[in-house]
Amino acid sequence: MRLALRVAGIGWYVAICVVLGFLLGLWVDDRVGSAPLFMTIGILLGVLLAFYGIYRMVIPILNNAGLDGQEPRDI
């Protein structure tokens, strides 16, 4: 059950990173007046942050699943 909750948390993490990047980009575009520039930058930064976060979250899951040649440990 814990594993399923962690995987679901990864999905929410990705969605939050991308949406916040998008909204922050829209806000900066509104202030500066450069229509799609900062929105695009915000989305790209959100995606990069999401990939980094996924990497940081998945490595312990894979290590605990026994994929490193050792017996599985309880998460």
C-alpha atoms as a PDB file:
ATOM      1  CA  MET A   1       0.000   0.000   0.000  1.00  0.00           C
ATOM      2  CA  ARG A   2       2.858   2.372   0.795  1.00  0.00           C
ATOM      3  CA  LEU A   3       4.360   1.828  -2.629  1.00  0.00           C
ATOM      4  CA  ALA A   4       1.076   2.702  -4.325  1.00  0.00           C
ATOM      5  CA  LEU A   5       0.826   5.905  -2.295  1.00  0.00           C
ATOM      6  CA  ARG A   6       4.383   6.869  -3.207  1.00  0.00           C
ATOM      7  CA  VAL A   7       3.717   6.296  -6.905  1.00  0.00           C
ATOM      8  CA  ALA A   8       0.522   8.358  -6.693  1.00  0.00           C
ATOM      9  CA  GLY A   9       2.513  11.068  -4.923  1.00  0.00           C
ATOM     10  CA  ILE A  10       4.927  11.172  -7.846  1.00  0.00           C
ATOM     11  CA  GLY A  11       2.055  11.951 -10.199  1.00  0.00           C
ATOM     12  CA  TRP A  12       0.842  14.789  -8.000  1.00  0.00           C
ATOM     13  CA  TYR A  13       4.395  16.127  -7.711  1.00  0.00           C
ATOM     14  CA  VAL A  14       4.748  16.294 -11.492  1.00  0.00           C
ATOM     15  CA  ALA A  15       1.371  17.986 -11.924  1.00  0.00           C
ATOM     16  CA  ILE A  16       2.091  20.574  -9.234  1.00  0.00           C
ATOM     17  CA  CYS A  17       5.544  21.412 -10.639  1.00  0.00           C
ATOM     18  CA  VAL A  18       4.254  21.942 -14.169  1.00  0.00           C
ATOM     19  CA  VAL A  19       1.136  23.881 -13.144  1.00  0.00           C
ATOM     20  CA  LEU A  20       3.067  26.168 -10.784  1.00  0.00           C
ATOM     21  CA  GLY A  21       5.667  26.828 -13.469  1.00  0.00           C
ATOM     22  CA  PHE A  22       2.895  27.663 -15.914  1.00  0.00           C
ATOM     23  CA  LEU A  23       1.106  30.000 -13.489  1.00  0.00           C
ATOM     24  CA  LEU A  24       4.305  31.732 -12.430  1.00  0.00           C
ATOM     25  CA  GLY A  25       5.217  32.223 -16.084  1.00  0.00           C
ATOM     26  CA  LEU A  26       1.796  33.700 -16.828  1.00  0.00           C
ATOM     27  CA  TRP A  27       2.137  36.067 -13.890  1.00  0.00           C
ATOM     28  CA  VAL A  28       5.572  37.283 -15.029  1.00  0.00           C
ATOM     29  CA  ASP A  29       4.327  37.620 -18.629  1.00  0.00           C
ATOM     30  CA  ASP A  30       1.441  39.750 -17.376  1.00  0.00           C
ATOM     31  CA  ARG A  31       3.800  42.004 -15.432  1.00  0.00           C
ATOM     32  CA  VAL A  32       6.456  42.339 -18.153  1.00  0.00           C
ATOM     33  CA  GLY A  33       4.215  42.098 -21.214  1.00  0.00           C
ATOM     34  CA  SER A  34       6.130  39.382 -23.055  1.00  0.00           C
ATOM     35  CA  ALA A  35       3.271  37.036 -23.915  1.00  0.00           C
ATOM     36  CA  PRO A  36       4.489  33.443 -24.229  1.00  0.00           C
ATOM     37  CA  LEU A  37       8.159  33.814 -23.207  1.00  0.00           C
ATOM     38  CA  PHE A  38       8.046  33.383 -19.439  1.00  0.00           C
ATOM     39  CA  MET A  39       5.126  30.958 -19.618  1.00  0.00           C
ATOM     40  CA  THR A  40       7.264  28.682 -21.788  1.00  0.00           C
ATOM     41  CA  ILE A  41      10.269  29.116 -19.499  1.00  0.00           C
ATOM     42  CA  GLY A  42       8.093  28.366 -16.458  1.00  0.00           C
ATOM     43  CA  ILE A  43       6.721  25.189 -18.008  1.00  0.00           C
ATOM     44  CA  LEU A  44      10.213  24.017 -18.981  1.00  0.00           C
ATOM     45  CA  LEU A  45      11.576  24.727 -15.505  1.00  0.00           C
ATOM     46  CA  GLY A  46       8.589  22.916 -13.984  1.00  0.00           C
ATOM     47  CA  VAL A  47       9.216  19.870 -16.177  1.00  0.00           C
ATOM     48  CA  LEU A  48      12.936  19.858 -15.321  1.00  0.00           C
ATOM     49  CA  LEU A  49      12.179  20.144 -11.612  1.00  0.00           C
ATOM     50  CA  ALA A  50       9.615  17.361 -11.936  1.00  0.00           C
ATOM     51  CA  PHE A  51      12.107  15.021 -13.629  1.00  0.00           C
ATOM     52  CA  TYR A  52      14.701  15.730 -10.956  1.00  0.00           C
ATOM     53  CA  GLY A  53      12.140  15.096  -8.229  1.00  0.00           C
ATOM     54  CA  ILE A  54      10.999  11.870  -9.881  1.00  0.00           C
ATOM     55  CA  TYR A  55      14.602  10.687 -10.004  1.00  0.00           C
ATOM     56  CA  ARG A  56      15.070  11.481  -6.309  1.00  0.00           C
ATOM     57  CA  MET A  57      11.821   9.681  -5.380  1.00  0.00           C
ATOM     58  CA  VAL A  58      12.230   6.595  -7.563  1.00  0.00           C
ATOM     59  CA  ILE A  59      15.820   5.643  -6.651  1.00  0.00           C
ATOM     60  CA  PRO A  60      14.925   4.654  -3.041  1.00  0.00           C
ATOM     61  CA  ILE A  61      11.875   2.732  -4.303  1.00  0.00           C
ATOM     62  CA  LEU A  62      14.017   0.778  -6.765  1.00  0.00           C
ATOM     63  CA  ASN A  63      16.663   0.098  -4.127  1.00  0.00           C
ATOM     64  CA  ASN A  64      14.035  -1.177  -1.695  1.00  0.00           C
ATOM     65  CA  ALA A  65      12.429  -3.367  -4.383  1.00  0.00           C
ATOM     66  CA  GLY A  66      15.472  -5.599  -4.588  1.00  0.00           C
ATOM     67  CA  LEU A  67      16.516  -4.493  -8.058  1.00  0.00           C
ATOM     68  CA  ASP A  68      20.058  -3.854  -6.853  1.00  0.00           C
ATOM     69  CA  GLY A  69      20.762  -7.586  -6.433  1.00  0.00           C
ATOM     70  CA  GLN A  70      19.866  -7.686  -2.747  1.00  0.00           C
ATOM     71  CA  GLU A  71      16.811  -8.965  -0.945  1.00  0.00           C
ATOM     72  CA  PRO A  72      13.867  -6.541  -0.844  1.00  0.00           C
ATOM     73  CA  ARG A  73      13.576  -4.421   2.307  1.00  0.00           C
ATOM     74  CA  ASP A  74      10.427  -3.021   3.852  1.00  0.00           C
ATOM     75  CA  ILE A  75       9.818   0.578   2.714  1.00  0.00           C
END
